[in-house]
Amino acid sequence: MPLLTAFHHVAIIASDYARSKAFYTEVLGLSVIAETCRAERDSWKLDLALPGGGQIELFTFPGAPPRATRPEAQGLRHLCFAVADLDAAVAELEAKGVPVEPVRVDRGTGARFTFFADPDGLPLELYET
């Protein structure tokens, strides 16, 4: 039996809870599983459902430092979301005011992909499947 059975969640620390909540729910269309105010920590936690399983945990923490650099810093490089129609997804993001990089082609698979960023500059990828 394999040690790992599935992807469960990724955690993101946001600088502005309301702005990031709006981005992930209104721009990307993720649904809220639970929202918790952790008053003793002056912090919020938002659990978001990813299509097909898995979750994003969106946190705020007072005084959290910004990300050191864009994706080449050690640690998590980017989050990637599968889409059926990359052109439609890009058009929807751009219509909502989200800048999207030019579409590229994966040399290994021939699949098309692109990058954009969340409100804190976290690199996000769309990969056409």
Foldseek 3Di string as FASTA:
>chain_A
DDPDDDAAEEEDEDADVVQLVCCCCVQVNWDWPDWDQPPVQNKIWTWTADPPHHIYIYMYGPPDDADPDAQPDPDHRAAEDEDQDPVVSCVSNVVVVWDKDDWDADPVPRWIKTWTAGPRRGIYMYTHD
